[in-house]
Structure formats: structure tokens, C-alpha cells
């Protein structure tokens, strides 16, 4: 085992179903199972706070003991979280042989996004891939893999082929088809041209008013608006007055 491997103590439990698992969670414990390797499945419980702190400061491989037994190297295969609170509700651990390569996923982190020329110009940087499939010895699995995007220009696209794998790690994804990040111009909201239109005033015969009749109607409308009528109400009053034979 590597000297910097983090240890985690577990407590054995019987596989009693979902009701028992809910009771464990109410008591501040997280149920889990260890499987793979030479042994059969082993069910356990672990203090939720200890698990959270351990995972926050550990590498990819943990050394776990159940009820003080022999330490076993494991990989966190799956960590299920509550959909709202985000707390761990179940953890799956996979036994590993430190001398045999395994396949797993590693988180991809982008750095230098704010310095990228495309971002400086107002472009939008999108991370298209967040996890990479890799193969490596358990001791060579990195906590995460970083990629520097500080040189990305506007409309640029970077693929896995531009990322160098850490020593001892083999990428399993297609290097040309796996897009890591893109920078695209910002989407502009369409701006409608503001066009001011003058509603034509019409007489009783439906024809637009002209000359003195139009001037009189406009004056009537302006007077109505001054009295508090809306533009539509003023137009209706002006049309009515212009067509009044009296």
C-alpha cells in the first residue's frame, strides 16, 4: 500500500433491507457494501461525518478495516447522494489488487478559463466532458486530471487528443471524438426595431381624414388626451366628432 493511503474504519452490519438502511441514516451512519476481488460482498456502516471528511482529503485508494480486521485496499466505486440535501446515503467500495490495473473514471478540471482570449472577448466557455475513463494501477490513479484552457481562442474546440495522460494512466475514451471544452460567442437577444406609427384618423365613410377635417380631428384628440383619455379613446372620440353631421 502507498504510504499516503488514507485509512477508514468500518462497522459490519447485516443486509437487512431499506428499512434498516433508513434507521442507520437517522443515526448519522451511511450504509455501504464492499465487493470484488477474492472475497464475497461485505455490508458495513460508517459514520457520515468521518466518511465525508475522509473522502474530502483522501486519494483514489482507501485502506479500510471492518471491525478492526485486516486492512484492505478499496476504490470508491459509487457514492449515492440525497437529491436535495446532497449528503451521502450509500457507498459502494471495490476491492483492488495494487499490482493489477483497473478501469475507472476520474474527474476532469479546467484551469485558466478567465485568462482564455475567447473568454476575455466575451465568449462562453463550456466544459463538455467532466469525467474521463482511464486504466491504471490503483496506486497511479490520480484524484483528478487538469487541463489548461488559458490559450483557447473564440470558437475554439479542444479534444482529448490535446491532453497528455499522467504517468501510468491510459485514456480509454476516443481522443478525437471526446470534446473537452469549447468557447462560443455569446448569444445575442434579437432586438426589435422600434417604429413609431401614427394611427390614421378616418371619417364616417372609412376614408382617412385630410386637410381641415384632419387638423380638427387631431386637435380634438390632443384635447381629449389632455383631459386624461387614452390615445385609443381620444382617437375614437375624434373619429366620432369628425363624422358628426352637426
Protein backbone atom coordinates (compact mmCIF):
# COMPACT_ATOMS: atom_id res chain seq x y z
CA UNK A 1 0.00 0.00 0.00
CA UNK A 2 1.27 3.53 -0.73
CA UNK A 3 2.41 5.34 2.41
CA UNK A 4 -0.05 8.19 1.84
CA UNK A 5 -3.13 5.94 1.59
CA UNK A 6 -5.95 7.10 3.87
CA UNK A 7 -7.43 4.61 6.35
CA UNK A 8 -11.11 4.24 7.15
CA UNK A 9 -12.66 2.11 9.88
CA UNK A 10 -16.00 0.42 9.16
CA UNK A 11 -18.53 -1.49 11.23
CA UNK A 12 -20.04 -4.72 9.94
CA UNK A 13 -23.81 -4.83 9.51
CA UNK A 14 -26.35 -7.37 8.34
CA UNK A 15 -28.00 -6.77 4.94
CA UNK A 16 -31.49 -6.14 6.38
CA UNK A 17 -33.04 -4.06 3.59
CA UNK A 18 -34.14 -0.47 3.08
CA UNK A 19 -35.86 -0.09 6.48
CA UNK A 20 -32.63 -0.89 8.28
CA UNK A 21 -30.72 1.48 5.98
CA UNK A 22 -33.10 4.33 6.81
CA UNK A 23 -32.64 3.66 10.52
CA UNK A 24 -28.86 3.83 10.09
CA UNK A 25 -29.11 7.18 8.31
CA UNK A 26 -31.27 8.59 11.09
CA UNK A 27 -28.46 7.62 13.50
CA UNK A 28 -25.88 9.51 11.41
CA UNK A 29 -24.47 6.45 9.67
CA UNK A 30 -24.06 5.66 5.97
CA UNK A 31 -24.71 2.06 4.83
CA UNK A 32 -22.43 0.51 2.24
CA UNK A 33 -21.07 -2.67 0.71
CA UNK A 34 -17.61 -3.93 -0.27
CA UNK A 35 -17.36 -6.31 -3.20
CA UNK A 36 -14.94 -7.57 -5.87
CA UNK A 37 -11.60 -9.30 -5.54
CA UNK A 38 -11.36 -12.64 -3.83
CA UNK A 39 -13.94 -12.16 -1.09
CA UNK A 40 -17.72 -12.00 -1.19
CA UNK A 41 -19.87 -8.94 -0.52
CA UNK A 42 -19.49 -7.41 2.95
CA UNK A 43 -22.06 -4.97 4.26
CA UNK A 44 -20.98 -2.19 6.58
CA UNK A 45 -21.91 1.13 8.17
CA UNK A 46 -19.70 4.17 8.62
CA UNK A 47 -20.12 7.47 10.44
CA UNK A 48 -21.36 10.04 7.91
CA UNK A 49 -19.07 12.83 9.13
CA UNK A 50 -15.99 10.60 9.15
CA UNK A 51 -16.80 9.37 5.65
CA UNK A 52 -17.29 12.93 4.36
CA UNK A 53 -14.01 14.16 5.85
CA UNK A 54 -12.09 11.09 4.69
CA UNK A 55 -13.24 11.38 1.09
CA UNK A 56 -12.51 15.11 1.08
CA UNK A 57 -8.84 14.56 1.98
CA UNK A 58 -8.05 11.13 0.54
CA UNK A 59 -6.65 9.92 -2.74
CA UNK A 60 -8.34 7.47 -5.07
CA UNK A 61 -7.49 4.44 -2.91
CA UNK A 62 -8.57 3.88 0.70
CA UNK A 63 -7.45 1.24 3.14
CA UNK A 64 -10.48 0.03 5.07
CA UNK A 65 -10.88 -2.25 8.04
CA UNK A 66 -14.09 -3.86 9.23
CA UNK A 67 -14.42 -4.24 12.99
CA UNK A 68 -10.65 -3.84 13.41
CA UNK A 69 -9.73 -6.59 10.95
CA UNK A 70 -7.03 -6.65 8.28
CA UNK A 71 -6.73 -3.57 6.10
CA UNK A 72 -7.98 -3.93 2.52
CA UNK A 73 -7.29 -1.50 -0.35
CA UNK A 74 -10.51 -0.32 -1.98
CA UNK A 75 -11.70 2.16 -4.59
CA UNK A 76 -14.87 4.20 -4.13
CA UNK A 77 -16.93 2.74 -6.95
CA UNK A 78 -20.17 4.61 -6.32
CA UNK A 79 -21.32 7.25 -3.85
CA UNK A 80 -25.06 7.88 -3.83
CA UNK A 81 -26.22 11.25 -2.51
CA UNK A 82 -29.55 12.64 -1.37
CA UNK A 83 -31.07 14.54 -4.34
CA UNK A 84 -31.88 17.63 -2.24
CA UNK A 85 -29.53 17.72 0.76
CA UNK A 86 -26.53 16.29 -1.10
CA UNK A 87 -25.44 14.10 1.80
CA UNK A 88 -24.14 10.56 1.23
CA UNK A 89 -26.84 7.89 1.57
CA UNK A 90 -24.94 4.79 0.33
CA UNK A 91 -21.40 3.93 -0.70
CA UNK A 92 -20.03 1.06 -2.79
CA UNK A 93 -16.38 0.08 -2.32
CA UNK A 94 -14.46 -2.12 -4.76
CA UNK A 95 -11.57 -4.30 -3.54
CA UNK A 96 -8.49 -3.80 -5.67
CA UNK A 97 -5.19 -5.59 -6.24
CA UNK A 98 -2.46 -2.97 -6.09
CA UNK A 99 -0.43 -4.87 -8.71
CA UNK A 100 -3.24 -5.13 -11.30
CA UNK A 101 -4.58 -2.35 -13.49
CA UNK A 102 -8.24 -1.40 -13.18
CA UNK A 103 -10.61 0.77 -15.18
CA UNK A 104 -12.35 3.68 -13.51
CA UNK A 105 -13.38 7.31 -14.04
CA UNK A 106 -11.53 10.45 -12.96
CA UNK A 107 -12.89 13.97 -12.68
CA UNK A 108 -11.65 16.49 -15.26
CA UNK A 109 -10.90 20.03 -14.02
CA UNK A 110 -10.34 23.01 -16.33
CA UNK A 111 -7.93 25.76 -15.32
CA UNK A 112 -7.21 29.20 -16.78
CA UNK A 113 -10.74 29.81 -18.02
CA UNK A 114 -10.73 33.50 -17.10
CA UNK A 115 -7.45 34.13 -18.94
CA UNK A 116 -8.53 32.45 -22.19
CA UNK A 117 -8.59 35.02 -25.05
CA UNK A 118 -12.01 33.76 -26.11
CA UNK A 119 -13.38 34.37 -22.62
CA UNK A 120 -11.79 37.81 -22.42
CA UNK A 121 -13.57 38.72 -25.66
CA UNK A 122 -16.90 37.80 -24.09
CA UNK A 123 -17.14 34.21 -25.27
CA UNK A 124 -18.81 31.44 -23.28
CA UNK A 125 -16.60 28.55 -22.18
CA UNK A 126 -18.44 25.23 -21.96
CA UNK A 127 -16.96 22.13 -20.32
CA UNK A 128 -18.29 19.30 -22.45
CA UNK A 129 -16.64 16.40 -20.57
CA UNK A 130 -16.48 16.20 -16.78
CA UNK A 131 -15.21 12.63 -16.27
CA UNK A 132 -12.60 10.65 -18.16
CA UNK A 133 -12.45 6.87 -18.42
CA UNK A 134 -8.98 5.61 -17.58
CA UNK A 135 -6.98 2.46 -16.90
CA UNK A 136 -4.16 2.41 -14.36
CA UNK A 137 -2.71 0.61 -11.38
CA UNK A 138 -4.67 1.55 -8.25
CA UNK A 139 -1.69 3.43 -6.87
CA UNK A 140 -1.39 5.52 -10.06
CA UNK A 141 -4.99 6.71 -10.19
CA UNK A 142 -4.98 10.50 -9.76
CA UNK A 143 -7.54 12.36 -7.65
CA UNK A 144 -8.37 14.42 -10.76
CA UNK A 145 -6.89 15.42 -14.11
CA UNK A 146 -6.47 19.09 -15.03
CA UNK A 147 -6.39 20.76 -18.43
CA UNK A 148 -5.21 24.33 -19.05
CA UNK A 149 -7.63 26.25 -21.30
CA UNK A 150 -5.94 29.66 -20.90
CA UNK A 151 -4.88 29.68 -24.59
CA UNK A 152 -8.31 28.94 -26.07
CA UNK A 153 -9.48 31.45 -28.70
CA UNK A 154 -13.04 32.35 -29.68
CA UNK A 155 -14.82 29.44 -31.47
CA UNK A 156 -12.08 27.03 -30.33
CA UNK A 157 -12.73 23.36 -29.58
CA UNK A 158 -10.31 21.11 -27.69
CA UNK A 159 -10.46 17.32 -27.69
CA UNK A 160 -8.88 14.61 -25.58
CA UNK A 161 -6.08 14.32 -28.14
CA UNK A 162 -4.66 17.61 -26.78
CA UNK A 163 -4.46 16.33 -23.19
CA UNK A 164 -1.42 14.38 -22.02
CA UNK A 165 -2.20 11.44 -19.76
CA UNK A 166 -0.45 11.38 -16.36
CA UNK A 167 2.32 8.83 -15.93
CA UNK A 168 0.93 5.31 -15.59
CA UNK A 169 -2.53 6.32 -16.84
CA UNK A 170 -4.14 5.29 -20.14
CA UNK A 171 -7.13 7.15 -21.53
CA UNK A 172 -9.92 4.87 -22.74
CA UNK A 173 -12.10 7.49 -24.47
CA UNK A 174 -11.77 8.30 -28.18
CA UNK A 175 -9.10 11.03 -28.38
CA UNK A 176 -10.59 12.71 -31.46
CA UNK A 177 -14.29 12.38 -30.65
CA UNK A 178 -14.14 13.29 -26.96
CA UNK A 179 -14.62 17.07 -26.72
CA UNK A 180 -13.27 18.56 -23.50
CA UNK A 181 -14.25 22.22 -23.90
CA UNK A 182 -15.47 24.84 -26.37
CA UNK A 183 -15.62 28.64 -26.44
CA UNK A 184 -18.52 30.12 -28.38
CA UNK A 185 -19.66 33.71 -28.97
CA UNK A 186 -22.40 34.91 -26.61
CA UNK A 187 -25.97 34.52 -27.82
CA UNK A 188 -27.48 37.94 -28.52
CA UNK A 189 -31.14 38.54 -27.89
CA UNK A 190 -32.93 39.77 -31.04
CA UNK A 191 -33.73 43.48 -30.79
CA UNK A 192 -36.91 44.56 -32.48
CA UNK A 193 -36.75 47.87 -34.29
CA UNK A 194 -38.87 50.46 -32.60
CA UNK A 195 -41.02 52.03 -35.26
CA UNK A 196 -43.33 54.84 -34.31
CA UNK A 197 -46.54 54.79 -36.31
CA UNK A 198 -49.29 57.38 -36.49
CA UNK A 199 -52.74 55.84 -36.40
CA UNK A 200 -54.72 57.26 -39.27
CA UNK A 201 -57.90 59.09 -38.34
CA UNK A 202 -60.84 58.14 -40.53
CA UNK A 203 -64.19 59.67 -41.19
CA UNK A 204 -67.61 58.09 -41.14
CA UNK A 205 -67.08 56.75 -44.64
CA UNK A 206 -63.97 54.86 -43.59
CA UNK A 207 -61.60 57.06 -45.59
CA UNK A 208 -58.61 58.80 -43.93
CA UNK A 209 -59.27 62.41 -42.99
CA UNK A 210 -57.39 65.13 -44.82
CA UNK A 211 -56.94 68.88 -44.72
CA UNK A 212 -59.08 70.88 -42.30
CA UNK A 213 -61.02 67.81 -41.16
CA UNK A 214 -57.76 66.07 -40.17
CA UNK A 215 -56.49 69.16 -38.33
CA UNK A 216 -59.74 69.44 -36.42
CA UNK A 217 -59.69 65.74 -35.51
CA UNK A 218 -56.08 65.94 -34.30
CA UNK A 219 -56.87 68.96 -32.19
CA UNK A 220 -59.83 67.13 -30.71
CA UNK A 221 -57.64 64.11 -29.91
CA UNK A 222 -54.96 66.24 -28.25
CA UNK A 223 -57.61 67.91 -26.13
CA UNK A 224 -59.06 64.57 -25.09
CA UNK A 225 -55.60 63.23 -24.09
CA UNK A 226 -55.05 66.35 -22.03
CA UNK A 227 -58.29 65.52 -20.21
CA UNK A 228 -56.95 62.06 -19.33
CA UNK A 229 -58.27 59.89 -22.16
CA UNK A 230 -56.07 57.17 -23.55
CA UNK A 231 -54.76 57.53 -27.09
CA UNK A 232 -57.26 54.92 -28.28
CA UNK A 233 -60.16 56.66 -26.54
CA UNK A 234 -59.04 60.03 -27.93
CA UNK A 235 -58.89 58.62 -31.47
CA UNK A 236 -62.38 57.13 -31.11
CA UNK A 237 -63.74 60.46 -29.83
CA UNK A 238 -62.01 62.38 -32.63
CA UNK A 239 -63.39 59.99 -35.27
CA UNK A 240 -66.85 60.29 -33.76
CA UNK A 241 -66.73 64.09 -33.70
CA UNK A 242 -65.36 64.32 -37.23
CA UNK A 243 -68.22 62.24 -38.59
CA UNK A 244 -70.93 64.05 -36.57
CA UNK A 245 -73.08 65.96 -39.15
CA UNK A 246 -73.96 68.59 -36.56
